[in-house]
Amino acid sequence: VQLQASGGGLVQAGGSLRLACVVSGGTFSTYTMSWFRQAPGKEREFISTITWSGGTTLYADSVKGRFTLSRDNAKSTMYLQMNNLKPEDTAVYYCARKRGMYGLGSQRLNDYDYWGQGTQVTVSS
């Protein structure tokens, strides 16, 4: 199973980016997916999760109201729309597939067994 994250870049504060995560070599539609991020010198933190059907999403308080998570099971792709970006959103963003089919959303890193390589998001003030 391979996860390929893309869409990162440099943007000014208040701007927007859309990240994508494409899953190949394995099943996508029956697995909960999530985004995490890691800023320099900090631990990897949960951003958002979406259940296998797309019916339920959960966001960290720090991004709630600004980020929107969605998925297209036909394209094996998950999207993270990020609006009103802030300098504190600067980090490497990682997508991950949760262990076990049809699971609920989770904020715990240890619940995920496949990770993308990360995409850098830099927000300038």
Protein backbone atom coordinates (compact mmCIF):
# COMPACT_ATOMS: atom_id res chain seq x y z
CA VAL A 1 0.00 0.00 0.00
CA GLN A 2 1.35 3.41 -0.96
CA LEU A 3 0.08 6.83 0.00
CA GLN A 4 1.14 9.83 -2.06
CA ALA A 5 0.50 13.27 -0.57
CA SER A 6 0.65 16.39 -2.71
CA GLY A 7 -0.53 19.97 -2.89
CA GLY A 8 1.69 21.66 -0.36
CA GLY A 9 3.50 24.90 -1.02
CA LEU A 10 4.22 28.43 0.11
CA VAL A 11 1.25 30.70 0.71
CA GLN A 12 0.63 33.99 2.48
CA ALA A 13 -1.43 34.17 5.63
CA GLY A 14 -5.12 34.14 4.78
CA GLY A 15 -4.53 32.10 1.66
CA SER A 16 -5.69 28.62 0.73
CA LEU A 17 -4.25 25.29 -0.34
CA ARG A 18 -5.79 21.93 -1.17
CA LEU A 19 -3.87 18.82 -0.25
CA ALA A 20 -4.53 15.45 -1.88
CA CYS A 21 -3.63 11.95 -0.82
CA VAL A 22 -3.83 9.15 -3.37
CA VAL A 23 -3.78 5.55 -2.20
CA SER A 24 -2.49 2.83 -4.49
CA GLY A 25 -1.67 -0.83 -4.16
CA GLY A 26 -4.43 -1.47 -1.68
CA THR A 27 -8.01 -0.78 -0.74
CA PHE A 28 -9.10 2.79 -0.04
CA SER A 29 -12.87 2.78 0.15
CA THR A 30 -13.21 0.62 3.27
CA TYR A 31 -10.66 2.42 5.43
CA THR A 32 -10.79 5.48 7.63
CA MET A 33 -8.25 8.08 6.55
CA SER A 34 -6.66 11.02 8.33
CA TRP A 35 -4.25 13.90 8.10
CA PHE A 36 -1.58 14.72 10.63
CA ARG A 37 1.09 17.41 10.63
CA GLN A 38 4.48 17.95 12.20
CA ALA A 39 6.14 21.30 12.69
CA PRO A 40 9.91 21.59 13.29
CA GLY A 41 10.79 20.58 16.81
CA LYS A 42 7.28 19.42 17.60
CA GLU A 43 5.49 16.11 17.78
CA ARG A 44 3.24 14.91 15.00
CA GLU A 45 -0.30 16.03 15.71
CA PHE A 46 -3.76 15.06 14.53
CA ILE A 47 -5.55 17.36 12.08
CA SER A 48 -8.59 15.63 10.72
CA THR A 49 -10.13 12.21 10.12
CA ILE A 50 -12.83 10.89 7.81
CA THR A 51 -14.60 7.56 8.05
CA TRP A 52 -14.53 5.05 5.21
CA SER A 53 -17.93 6.15 3.89
CA GLY A 54 -17.16 9.83 4.24
CA GLY A 55 -20.13 10.16 6.54
CA THR A 56 -18.25 11.42 9.57
CA THR A 57 -15.39 13.88 9.88
CA LEU A 58 -13.55 15.14 12.93
CA TYR A 59 -11.21 18.11 13.23
CA ALA A 60 -8.66 19.37 15.68
CA ASP A 61 -9.79 22.53 17.41
CA SER A 62 -6.90 24.43 15.85
CA VAL A 63 -8.26 23.93 12.31
CA LYS A 64 -11.99 23.64 12.88
CA GLY A 65 -13.93 26.02 10.66
CA ARG A 66 -10.95 26.57 8.35
CA PHE A 67 -10.12 23.09 7.03
CA THR A 68 -12.50 20.71 5.24
CA LEU A 69 -11.77 17.03 4.73
CA SER A 70 -13.39 14.98 1.98
CA ARG A 71 -12.79 11.82 0.01
CA ASP A 72 -13.57 10.36 -3.40
CA ASN A 73 -13.62 6.60 -3.07
CA ALA A 74 -13.89 6.14 -6.83
CA LYS A 75 -10.54 7.91 -7.21
CA SER A 76 -8.95 6.48 -4.05
CA THR A 77 -8.20 10.04 -3.06
CA MET A 78 -8.64 12.13 0.07
CA TYR A 79 -8.62 15.92 0.01
CA LEU A 80 -7.90 18.53 2.65
CA GLN A 81 -9.11 22.01 1.75
CA MET A 82 -7.27 24.53 3.89
CA ASN A 83 -8.59 28.08 4.03
CA ASN A 84 -7.57 31.16 6.01
CA LEU A 85 -4.14 29.68 6.59
CA LYS A 86 -2.05 30.99 9.48
CA PRO A 87 1.72 30.96 10.04
CA GLU A 88 1.17 28.40 12.81
CA ASP A 89 -0.18 26.00 10.17
CA THR A 90 3.35 25.69 8.78
CA ALA A 91 4.35 22.03 8.96
CA VAL A 92 4.83 18.85 6.98
CA TYR A 93 1.43 17.31 6.40
CA TYR A 94 1.06 13.53 6.39
CA CYS A 95 -1.85 11.40 5.27
CA ALA A 96 -2.45 8.03 6.86
CA ARG A 97 -4.68 4.98 6.51
CA LYS A 98 -6.16 3.60 9.71
CA ARG A 99 -5.58 -0.02 10.63
CA GLY A 100 -8.61 -2.26 10.10
CA MET A 101 -11.56 -1.89 7.75
CA TYR A 102 -14.73 0.07 8.51
CA GLY A 103 -13.24 1.64 11.60
CA LEU A 104 -14.22 4.82 13.38
CA GLY A 105 -12.12 7.95 13.18
CA SER A 106 -9.09 8.17 15.45
CA GLN A 107 -6.63 10.82 16.60
CA ARG A 108 -4.04 8.33 17.76
CA LEU A 109 -0.94 7.86 15.63
CA ASN A 110 -0.60 4.24 16.64
CA ASP A 111 -3.95 3.41 15.04
CA TYR A 112 -2.49 4.04 11.57
CA ASP A 113 -0.33 1.55 9.73
CA TYR A 114 0.29 3.25 6.38
CA TRP A 115 1.64 6.77 5.96
CA GLY A 116 2.38 9.08 3.07
CA GLN A 117 5.74 10.76 2.62
CA GLY A 118 4.48 14.18 3.66
CA THR A 119 4.02 17.46 1.86
CA GLN A 120 5.42 20.77 3.13
CA VAL A 121 3.05 23.64 3.85
CA THR A 122 4.62 27.00 4.60
CA VAL A 123 2.51 30.01 5.53
CA SER A 124 4.22 33.39 5.57
CA SER A 125 3.00 36.28 7.69
